[in-house]
Amino acid sequence: MKRLFFLAVLLVTAAVFVSGYGVTRAVTYQSYHVGEGETLWDIASEHMVEQDKTRDVRELIHDIAEYNGLHGKTLQAGQTIIIPLEKEVKK
């Protein structure tokens, strides 16, 4: 059973490595002023058009929260946050 689990982890790791081969990700940072009643979901959803189409809005929410140290914190109107936008750049 342990061998099967190890093999599965190895295969998934190899697939992730190979799928990203030859692809570079460029990250740009945008300053954003939080409006009254806005949530991370609202802000991330607005910026998804500027994102790589392979990313999910939840990934962007996580990246915004992590970059700005927002885990468990509520956004305040007038607060300025940085939005890390990631795009795929083919070599």
PDB file of N, CA and C in Angstrom:
ATOM      1  N   MET A   1       0.825  -1.185   0.000  1.00  0.00           N
ATOM      2  CA  MET A   1       0.000   0.000   0.000  1.00  0.00           C
ATOM      3  C   MET A   1       0.874   1.256   0.000  1.00  0.00           C
ATOM      4  N   LYS A   2       1.952   1.231   0.808  1.00  0.00           N
ATOM      5  CA  LYS A   2       2.856   2.376   0.848  1.00  0.00           C
ATOM      6  C   LYS A   2       3.549   2.576  -0.489  1.00  0.00           C
ATOM      7  N   ARG A   3       3.905   1.482  -1.150  1.00  0.00           N
ATOM      8  CA  ARG A   3       4.545   1.572  -2.466  1.00  0.00           C
ATOM      9  C   ARG A   3       3.601   2.194  -3.489  1.00  0.00           C
ATOM     10  N   LEU A   4       2.334   1.815  -3.421  1.00  0.00           N
ATOM     11  CA  LEU A   4       1.344   2.355  -4.343  1.00  0.00           C
ATOM     12  C   LEU A   4       1.182   3.862  -4.121  1.00  0.00           C
ATOM     13  N   PHE A   5       1.118   4.267  -2.863  1.00  0.00           N
ATOM     14  CA  PHE A   5       1.009   5.692  -2.536  1.00  0.00           C
ATOM     15  C   PHE A   5       2.242   6.437  -3.032  1.00  0.00           C
ATOM     16  N   PHE A   6       3.427   5.894  -2.779  1.00  0.00           N
ATOM     17  CA  PHE A   6       4.670   6.520  -3.222  1.00  0.00           C
ATOM     18  C   PHE A   6       4.700   6.651  -4.739  1.00  0.00           C
ATOM     19  N   LEU A   7       4.279   5.614  -5.450  1.00  0.00           N
ATOM     20  CA  LEU A   7       4.247   5.640  -6.906  1.00  0.00           C
ATOM     21  C   LEU A   7       3.268   6.713  -7.404  1.00  0.00           C
ATOM     22  N   ALA A   8       2.114   6.821  -6.768  1.00  0.00           N
ATOM     23  CA  ALA A   8       1.122   7.830  -7.162  1.00  0.00           C
ATOM     24  C   ALA A   8       1.678   9.237  -6.964  1.00  0.00           C
ATOM     25  N   VAL A   9       2.333   9.478  -5.834  1.00  0.00           N
ATOM     26  CA  VAL A   9       2.928  10.783  -5.571  1.00  0.00           C
ATOM     27  C   VAL A   9       4.020  11.082  -6.590  1.00  0.00           C
ATOM     28  N   LEU A  10       4.826  10.104  -6.898  1.00  0.00           N
ATOM     29  CA  LEU A  10       5.888  10.268  -7.878  1.00  0.00           C
ATOM     30  C   LEU A  10       5.325  10.612  -9.257  1.00  0.00           C
ATOM     31  N   LEU A  11       4.276   9.928  -9.675  1.00  0.00           N
ATOM     32  CA  LEU A  11       3.663  10.188 -10.974  1.00  0.00           C
ATOM     33  C   LEU A  11       3.044  11.585 -11.044  1.00  0.00           C
ATOM     34  N   VAL A  12       2.374  11.989  -9.978  1.00  0.00           N
ATOM     35  CA  VAL A  12       1.777  13.328  -9.951  1.00  0.00           C
ATOM     36  C   VAL A  12       2.859  14.390  -9.999  1.00  0.00           C
ATOM     37  N   THR A  13       3.926  14.208  -9.254  1.00  0.00           N
ATOM     38  CA  THR A  13       5.044  15.153  -9.253  1.00  0.00           C
ATOM     39  C   THR A  13       5.662  15.259 -10.644  1.00  0.00           C
ATOM     40  N   ALA A  14       5.866  14.137 -11.287  1.00  0.00           N
ATOM     41  CA  ALA A  14       6.437  14.141 -12.639  1.00  0.00           C
ATOM     42  C   ALA A  14       5.504  14.839 -13.618  1.00  0.00           C
ATOM     43  N   ALA A  15       4.217  14.612 -13.507  1.00  0.00           N
ATOM     44  CA  ALA A  15       3.246  15.245 -14.405  1.00  0.00           C
ATOM     45  C   ALA A  15       3.238  16.759 -14.229  1.00  0.00           C
ATOM     46  N   VAL A  16       3.302  17.216 -12.989  1.00  0.00           N
ATOM     47  CA  VAL A  16       3.342  18.652 -12.721  1.00  0.00           C
ATOM     48  C   VAL A  16       4.616  19.256 -13.291  1.00  0.00           C
ATOM     49  N   PHE A  17       5.728  18.590 -13.104  1.00  0.00           N
ATOM     50  CA  PHE A  17       7.009  19.089 -13.615  1.00  0.00           C
ATOM     51  C   PHE A  17       6.996  19.182 -15.138  1.00  0.00           C
ATOM     52  N   VAL A  18       6.533  18.142 -15.800  1.00  0.00           N
ATOM     53  CA  VAL A  18       6.534  18.094 -17.260  1.00  0.00           C
ATOM     54  C   VAL A  18       5.537  19.094 -17.841  1.00  0.00           C
ATOM     55  N   SER A  19       4.392  19.281 -17.199  1.00  0.00           N
ATOM     56  CA  SER A  19       3.378  20.192 -17.733  1.00  0.00           C
ATOM     57  C   SER A  19       3.861  21.636 -17.740  1.00  0.00           C
ATOM     58  N   GLY A  20       4.781  21.984 -16.864  1.00  0.00           N
ATOM     59  CA  GLY A  20       5.290  23.344 -16.817  1.00  0.00           C
ATOM     60  C   GLY A  20       6.578  23.533 -17.581  1.00  0.00           C
ATOM     61  N   TYR A  21       7.052  22.503 -18.245  1.00  0.00           N
ATOM     62  CA  TYR A  21       8.318  22.574 -18.959  1.00  0.00           C
ATOM     63  C   TYR A  21       8.203  23.532 -20.135  1.00  0.00           C
ATOM     64  N   GLY A  22       9.129  24.450 -20.258  1.00  0.00           N
ATOM     65  CA  GLY A  22       9.136  25.391 -21.360  1.00  0.00           C
ATOM     66  C   GLY A  22       8.214  26.583 -21.162  1.00  0.00           C
ATOM     67  N   VAL A  23       7.637  26.712 -19.978  1.00  0.00           N
ATOM     68  CA  VAL A  23       6.723  27.801 -19.697  1.00  0.00           C
ATOM     69  C   VAL A  23       7.279  28.616 -18.525  1.00  0.00           C
ATOM     70  N   THR A  24       7.248  29.915 -18.694  1.00  0.00           N
ATOM     71  CA  THR A  24       7.679  30.815 -17.638  1.00  0.00           C
ATOM     72  C   THR A  24       6.475  31.640 -17.209  1.00  0.00           C
ATOM     73  N   ARG A  25       6.404  31.939 -15.952  1.00  0.00           N
ATOM     74  CA  ARG A  25       5.317  32.773 -15.448  1.00  0.00           C
ATOM     75  C   ARG A  25       5.881  34.138 -15.091  1.00  0.00           C
ATOM     76  N   ALA A  26       5.224  35.168 -15.582  1.00  0.00           N
ATOM     77  CA  ALA A  26       5.605  36.544 -15.270  1.00  0.00           C
ATOM     78  C   ALA A  26       4.599  37.094 -14.266  1.00  0.00           C
ATOM     79  N   VAL A  27       5.101  37.687 -13.204  1.00  0.00           N
ATOM     80  CA  VAL A  27       4.229  38.270 -12.191  1.00  0.00           C
ATOM     81  C   VAL A  27       4.389  39.786 -12.230  1.00  0.00           C
ATOM     82  N   THR A  28       3.259  40.471 -12.306  1.00  0.00           N
ATOM     83  CA  THR A  28       3.244  41.929 -12.200  1.00  0.00           C
ATOM     84  C   THR A  28       2.435  42.275 -10.960  1.00  0.00           C
ATOM     85  N   TYR A  29       2.669  43.444 -10.425  1.00  0.00           N
ATOM     86  CA  TYR A  29       2.012  43.854  -9.184  1.00  0.00           C
ATOM     87  C   TYR A  29       1.242  45.144  -9.419  1.00  0.00           C
ATOM     88  N   GLN A  30      -0.042  45.137  -9.042  1.00  0.00           N
ATOM     89  CA  GLN A  30      -0.887  46.318  -9.179  1.00  0.00           C
ATOM     90  C   GLN A  30      -1.342  46.785  -7.807  1.00  0.00           C
ATOM     91  N   SER A  31      -1.291  48.076  -7.610  1.00  0.00           N
ATOM     92  CA  SER A  31      -1.806  48.679  -6.392  1.00  0.00           C
ATOM     93  C   SER A  31      -3.318  48.820  -6.545  1.00  0.00           C
ATOM     94  N   TYR A  32      -4.065  48.553  -5.478  1.00  0.00           N
ATOM     95  CA  TYR A  32      -5.526  48.626  -5.548  1.00  0.00           C
ATOM     96  C   TYR A  32      -6.060  49.246  -4.259  1.00  0.00           C
ATOM     97  N   HIS A  33      -6.965  50.216  -4.402  1.00  0.00           N
ATOM     98  CA  HIS A  33      -7.597  50.858  -3.248  1.00  0.00           C
ATOM     99  C   HIS A  33      -8.950  50.190  -3.008  1.00  0.00           C
ATOM    100  N   VAL A  34      -9.119  49.633  -1.827  1.00  0.00           N
ATOM    101  CA  VAL A  34     -10.323  48.886  -1.475  1.00  0.00           C
ATOM    102  C   VAL A  34     -11.495  49.852  -1.287  1.00  0.00           C
ATOM    103  N   GLY A  35     -12.619  49.521  -1.930  1.00  0.00           N
ATOM    104  CA  GLY A  35     -13.836  50.314  -1.801  1.00  0.00           C
ATOM    105  C   GLY A  35     -14.714  49.787  -0.673  1.00  0.00           C
ATOM    106  N   GLU A  36     -15.708  50.567  -0.305  1.00  0.00           N
ATOM    107  CA  GLU A  36     -16.649  50.199   0.759  1.00  0.00           C
ATOM    108  C   GLU A  36     -17.332  48.871   0.449  1.00  0.00           C
ATOM    109  N   GLY A  37     -17.253  47.930   1.377  1.00  0.00           N
ATOM    110  CA  GLY A  37     -17.938  46.649   1.262  1.00  0.00           C
ATOM    111  C   GLY A  37     -17.289  45.642   0.326  1.00  0.00           C
ATOM    112  N   GLU A  38     -16.142  45.956  -0.255  1.00  0.00           N
ATOM    113  CA  GLU A  38     -15.490  45.011  -1.169  1.00  0.00           C
ATOM    114  C   GLU A  38     -14.854  43.857  -0.401  1.00  0.00           C
ATOM    115  N   THR A  39     -14.877  42.698  -1.030  1.00  0.00           N
ATOM    116  CA  THR A  39     -14.249  41.506  -0.463  1.00  0.00           C
ATOM    117  C   THR A  39     -13.103  41.074  -1.364  1.00  0.00           C
ATOM    118  N   LEU A  40     -12.274  40.173  -0.850  1.00  0.00           N
ATOM    119  CA  LEU A  40     -11.202  39.623  -1.686  1.00  0.00           C
ATOM    120  C   LEU A  40     -11.778  38.935  -2.911  1.00  0.00           C
ATOM    121  N   TRP A  41     -12.912  38.269  -2.752  1.00  0.00           N
ATOM    122  CA  TRP A  41     -13.557  37.597  -3.874  1.00  0.00           C
ATOM    123  C   TRP A  41     -13.919  38.616  -4.958  1.00  0.00           C
ATOM    124  N   ASP A  42     -14.510  39.754  -4.556  1.00  0.00           N
ATOM    125  CA  ASP A  42     -14.879  40.800  -5.520  1.00  0.00           C
ATOM    126  C   ASP A  42     -13.649  41.303  -6.275  1.00  0.00           C
ATOM    127  N   ILE A  43     -12.610  41.609  -5.532  1.00  0.00           N
ATOM    128  CA  ILE A  43     -11.400  42.186  -6.117  1.00  0.00           C
ATOM    129  C   ILE A  43     -10.724  41.186  -7.051  1.00  0.00           C
ATOM    130  N   ALA A  44     -10.583  39.944  -6.596  1.00  0.00           N
ATOM    131  CA  ALA A  44      -9.946  38.912  -7.420  1.00  0.00           C
ATOM    132  C   ALA A  44     -10.761  38.654  -8.684  1.00  0.00           C
ATOM    133  N   SER A  45     -12.078  38.613  -8.552  1.00  0.00           N
ATOM    134  CA  SER A  45     -12.939  38.374  -9.718  1.00  0.00           C
ATOM    135  C   SER A  45     -12.769  39.466 -10.765  1.00  0.00           C
ATOM    136  N   GLU A  46     -12.645  40.718 -10.319  1.00  0.00           N
ATOM    137  CA  GLU A  46     -12.439  41.837 -11.243  1.00  0.00           C
ATOM    138  C   GLU A  46     -11.137  41.692 -12.031  1.00  0.00           C
ATOM    139  N   HIS A  47     -10.124  41.117 -11.395  1.00  0.00           N
ATOM    140  CA  HIS A  47      -8.796  41.041 -12.001  1.00  0.00           C
ATOM    141  C   HIS A  47      -8.518  39.728 -12.727  1.00  0.00           C
ATOM    142  N   MET A  48      -9.489  38.829 -12.795  1.00  0.00           N
ATOM    143  CA  MET A  48      -9.267  37.540 -13.461  1.00  0.00           C
ATOM    144  C   MET A  48      -9.031  37.695 -14.958  1.00  0.00           C
ATOM    145  N   VAL A  49      -9.562  38.738 -15.574  1.00  0.00           N
ATOM    146  CA  VAL A  49      -9.345  38.928 -17.010  1.00  0.00           C
ATOM    147  C   VAL A  49      -7.878  39.214 -17.311  1.00  0.00           C
ATOM    148  N   GLU A  50      -7.132  39.673 -16.303  1.00  0.00           N
ATOM    149  CA  GLU A  50      -5.713  39.976 -16.478  1.00  0.00           C
ATOM    150  C   GLU A  50      -4.828  38.788 -16.119  1.00  0.00           C
ATOM    151  N   GLN A  51      -5.434  37.684 -15.746  1.00  0.00           N
ATOM    152  CA  GLN A  51      -4.724  36.501 -15.284  1.00  0.00           C
ATOM    153  C   GLN A  51      -4.577  35.469 -16.381  1.00  0.00           C
ATOM    154  N   ASP A  52      -3.657  34.561 -16.149  1.00  0.00           N
ATOM    155  CA  ASP A  52      -3.508  33.382 -16.994  1.00  0.00           C
ATOM    156  C   ASP A  52      -4.804  32.569 -16.884  1.00  0.00           C
ATOM    157  N   LYS A  53      -5.315  32.115 -17.988  1.00  0.00           N
ATOM    158  CA  LYS A  53      -6.593  31.404 -18.006  1.00  0.00           C
ATOM    159  C   LYS A  53      -6.556  30.052 -17.286  1.00  0.00           C
ATOM    160  N   THR A  54      -5.382  29.558 -16.945  1.00  0.00           N
ATOM    161  CA  THR A  54      -5.298  28.284 -16.243  1.00  0.00           C
ATOM    162  C   THR A  54      -5.476  28.463 -14.743  1.00  0.00           C
ATOM    163  N   ARG A  55      -5.487  29.695 -14.272  1.00  0.00           N
ATOM    164  CA  ARG A  55      -5.627  29.937 -12.835  1.00  0.00           C
ATOM    165  C   ARG A  55      -7.092  30.066 -12.450  1.00  0.00           C
ATOM    166  N   ASP A  56      -7.368  29.771 -11.205  1.00  0.00           N
ATOM    167  CA  ASP A  56      -8.697  29.852 -10.640  1.00  0.00           C
ATOM    168  C   ASP A  56      -8.770  31.095  -9.749  1.00  0.00           C
ATOM    169  N   VAL A  57      -9.945  31.683  -9.601  1.00  0.00           N
ATOM    170  CA  VAL A  57     -10.102  32.880  -8.783  1.00  0.00           C
ATOM    171  C   VAL A  57      -9.647  32.624  -7.341  1.00  0.00           C
ATOM    172  N   ARG A  58      -9.810  31.405  -6.854  1.00  0.00           N
ATOM    173  CA  ARG A  58      -9.391  31.086  -5.479  1.00  0.00           C
ATOM    174  C   ARG A  58      -7.882  31.162  -5.319  1.00  0.00           C
ATOM    175  N   GLU A  59      -7.148  30.826  -6.378  1.00  0.00           N
ATOM    176  CA  GLU A  59      -5.687  30.949  -6.333  1.00  0.00           C
ATOM    177  C   GLU A  59      -5.279  32.418  -6.223  1.00  0.00           C
ATOM    178  N   LEU A  60      -5.963  33.277  -6.969  1.00  0.00           N
ATOM    179  CA  LEU A  60      -5.654  34.703  -6.901  1.00  0.00           C
ATOM    180  C   LEU A  60      -6.011  35.266  -5.528  1.00  0.00           C
ATOM    181  N   ILE A  61      -7.139  34.851  -4.965  1.00  0.00           N
ATOM    182  CA  ILE A  61      -7.516  35.286  -3.618  1.00  0.00           C
ATOM    183  C   ILE A  61      -6.429  34.897  -2.632  1.00  0.00           C
ATOM    184  N   HIS A  62      -5.966  33.663  -2.717  1.00  0.00           N
ATOM    185  CA  HIS A  62      -4.901  33.187  -1.821  1.00  0.00           C
ATOM    186  C   HIS A  62      -3.640  34.033  -1.997  1.00  0.00           C
ATOM    187  N   ASP A  63      -3.258  34.302  -3.246  1.00  0.00           N
ATOM    188  CA  ASP A  63      -2.044  35.075  -3.509  1.00  0.00           C
ATOM    189  C   ASP A  63      -2.161  36.504  -2.976  1.00  0.00           C
ATOM    190  N   ILE A  64      -3.322  37.132  -3.151  1.00  0.00           N
ATOM    191  CA  ILE A  64      -3.531  38.490  -2.633  1.00  0.00           C
ATOM    192  C   ILE A  64      -3.433  38.489  -1.111  1.00  0.00           C
ATOM    193  N   ALA A  65      -4.123  37.550  -0.478  1.00  0.00           N
ATOM    194  CA  ALA A  65      -4.113  37.475   0.984  1.00  0.00           C
ATOM    195  C   ALA A  65      -2.704  37.230   1.515  1.00  0.00           C
ATOM    196  N   GLU A  66      -1.985  36.311   0.887  1.00  0.00           N
ATOM    197  CA  GLU A  66      -0.629  35.983   1.333  1.00  0.00           C
ATOM    198  C   GLU A  66       0.322  37.166   1.143  1.00  0.00           C
ATOM    199  N   TYR A  67       0.271  37.791  -0.014  1.00  0.00           N
ATOM    200  CA  TYR A  67       1.183  38.893  -0.323  1.00  0.00           C
ATOM    201  C   TYR A  67       0.967  40.075   0.616  1.00  0.00           C
ATOM    202  N   ASN A  68      -0.295  40.295   1.010  1.00  0.00           N
ATOM    203  CA  ASN A  68      -0.633  41.445   1.848  1.00  0.00           C
ATOM    204  C   ASN A  68      -0.800  41.106   3.326  1.00  0.00           C
ATOM    205  N   GLY A  69      -0.550  39.850   3.693  1.00  0.00           N
ATOM    206  CA  GLY A  69      -0.678  39.436   5.095  1.00  0.00           C
ATOM    207  C   GLY A  69      -2.101  39.574   5.617  1.00  0.00           C
ATOM    208  N   LEU A  70      -3.076  39.172   4.819  1.00  0.00           N
ATOM    209  CA  LEU A  70      -4.485  39.385   5.158  1.00  0.00           C
ATOM    210  C   LEU A  70      -5.193  38.167   5.737  1.00  0.00           C
ATOM    211  N   HIS A  71      -4.526  37.082   5.948  1.00  0.00           N
ATOM    212  CA  HIS A  71      -5.201  35.865   6.403  1.00  0.00           C
ATOM    213  C   HIS A  71      -5.963  36.133   7.700  1.00  0.00           C
ATOM    214  N   GLY A  72      -7.277  35.936   7.625  1.00  0.00           N
ATOM    215  CA  GLY A  72      -8.126  36.124   8.797  1.00  0.00           C
ATOM    216  C   GLY A  72      -8.458  37.584   9.090  1.00  0.00           C
ATOM    217  N   LYS A  73      -8.038  38.494   8.239  1.00  0.00           N
ATOM    218  CA  LYS A  73      -8.297  39.917   8.466  1.00  0.00           C
ATOM    219  C   LYS A  73      -9.364  40.414   7.509  1.00  0.00           C
ATOM    220  N   THR A  74     -10.102  41.408   7.949  1.00  0.00           N
ATOM    221  CA  THR A  74     -11.141  42.016   7.126  1.00  0.00           C
ATOM    222  C   THR A  74     -10.561  43.206   6.376  1.00  0.00           C
ATOM    223  N   LEU A  75     -10.961  43.355   5.119  1.00  0.00           N
ATOM    224  CA  LEU A  75     -10.524  44.512   4.342  1.00  0.00           C
ATOM    225  C   LEU A  75     -11.233  45.766   4.850  1.00  0.00           C
ATOM    226  N   GLN A  76     -10.533  46.884   4.794  1.00  0.00           N
ATOM    227  CA  GLN A  76     -11.103  48.168   5.204  1.00  0.00           C
ATOM    228  C   GLN A  76     -11.207  49.078   3.991  1.00  0.00           C
ATOM    229  N   ALA A  77     -12.313  49.818   3.876  1.00  0.00           N
ATOM    230  CA  ALA A  77     -12.465  50.784   2.798  1.00  0.00           C
ATOM    231  C   ALA A  77     -11.322  51.790   2.882  1.00  0.00           C
ATOM    232  N   GLY A  78     -10.716  52.098   1.742  1.00  0.00           N
ATOM    233  CA  GLY A  78      -9.590  53.029   1.687  1.00  0.00           C
ATOM    234  C   GLY A  78      -8.235  52.360   1.831  1.00  0.00           C
ATOM    235  N   GLN A  79      -8.220  51.110   2.240  1.00  0.00           N
ATOM    236  CA  GLN A  79      -6.980  50.352   2.386  1.00  0.00           C
ATOM    237  C   GLN A  79      -6.360  50.116   1.011  1.00  0.00           C
ATOM    238  N   THR A  80      -5.062  50.176   0.926  1.00  0.00           N
ATOM    239  CA  THR A  80      -4.372  49.886  -0.324  1.00  0.00           C
ATOM    240  C   THR A  80      -3.734  48.509  -0.210  1.00  0.00           C
ATOM    241  N   ILE A  81      -4.009  47.666  -1.196  1.00  0.00           N
ATOM    242  CA  ILE A  81      -3.404  46.336  -1.242  1.00  0.00           C
ATOM    243  C   ILE A  81      -2.686  46.183  -2.573  1.00  0.00           C
ATOM    244  N   ILE A  82      -1.819  45.205  -2.639  1.00  0.00           N
ATOM    245  CA  ILE A  82      -1.101  44.883  -3.864  1.00  0.00           C
ATOM    246  C   ILE A  82      -1.673  43.588  -4.417  1.00  0.00           C
ATOM    247  N   ILE A  83      -1.947  43.587  -5.721  1.00  0.00           N
ATOM    248  CA  ILE A  83      -2.481  42.400  -6.382  1.00  0.00           C
ATOM    249  C   ILE A  83      -1.405  41.809  -7.282  1.00  0.00           C
ATOM    250  N   PRO A  84      -0.916  40.592  -6.926  1.00  0.00           N
ATOM    251  CA  PRO A  84       0.079  39.931  -7.776  1.00  0.00           C
ATOM    252  C   PRO A  84      -0.618  39.206  -8.929  1.00  0.00           C
ATOM    253  N   LEU A  85      -0.414  39.689 -10.132  1.00  0.00           N
ATOM    254  CA  LEU A  85      -1.039  39.112 -11.317  1.00  0.00           C
ATOM    255  C   LEU A  85      -0.039  38.240 -12.047  1.00  0.00           C
ATOM    256  N   GLU A  86      -0.440  37.030 -12.349  1.00  0.00           N
ATOM    257  CA  GLU A  86       0.457  36.054 -12.955  1.00  0.00           C
ATOM    258  C   GLU A  86      -0.004  35.702 -14.362  1.00  0.00           C
ATOM    259  N   LYS A  87       0.911  35.791 -15.297  1.00  0.00           N
ATOM    260  CA  LYS A  87       0.628  35.419 -16.692  1.00  0.00           C
ATOM    261  C   LYS A  87       1.682  34.447 -17.166  1.00  0.00           C
ATOM    262  N   GLU A  88       1.258  33.553 -18.045  1.00  0.00           N
ATOM    263  CA  GLU A  88       2.168  32.572 -18.645  1.00  0.00           C
ATOM    264  C   GLU A  88       2.865  33.222 -19.823  1.00  0.00           C
ATOM    265  N   VAL A  89       4.190  33.057 -19.880  1.00  0.00           N
ATOM    266  CA  VAL A  89       4.972  33.574 -20.989  1.00  0.00           C
ATOM    267  C   VAL A  89       5.652  32.394 -21.652  1.00  0.00           C
ATOM    268  N   LYS A  90       5.316  32.140 -22.885  1.00  0.00           N
ATOM    269  CA  LYS A  90       5.909  30.997 -23.597  1.00  0.00           C
ATOM    270  C   LYS A  90       7.304  31.374 -24.073  1.00  0.00           C
ATOM    271  N   LYS A  91       8.203  30.404 -23.996  1.00  0.00           N
ATOM    272  CA  LYS A  91       9.597  30.623 -24.424  1.00  0.00           C
ATOM    273  C   LYS A  91       9.725  30.506 -25.901  1.00  0.00           C
TER     274      LYS A  91
END
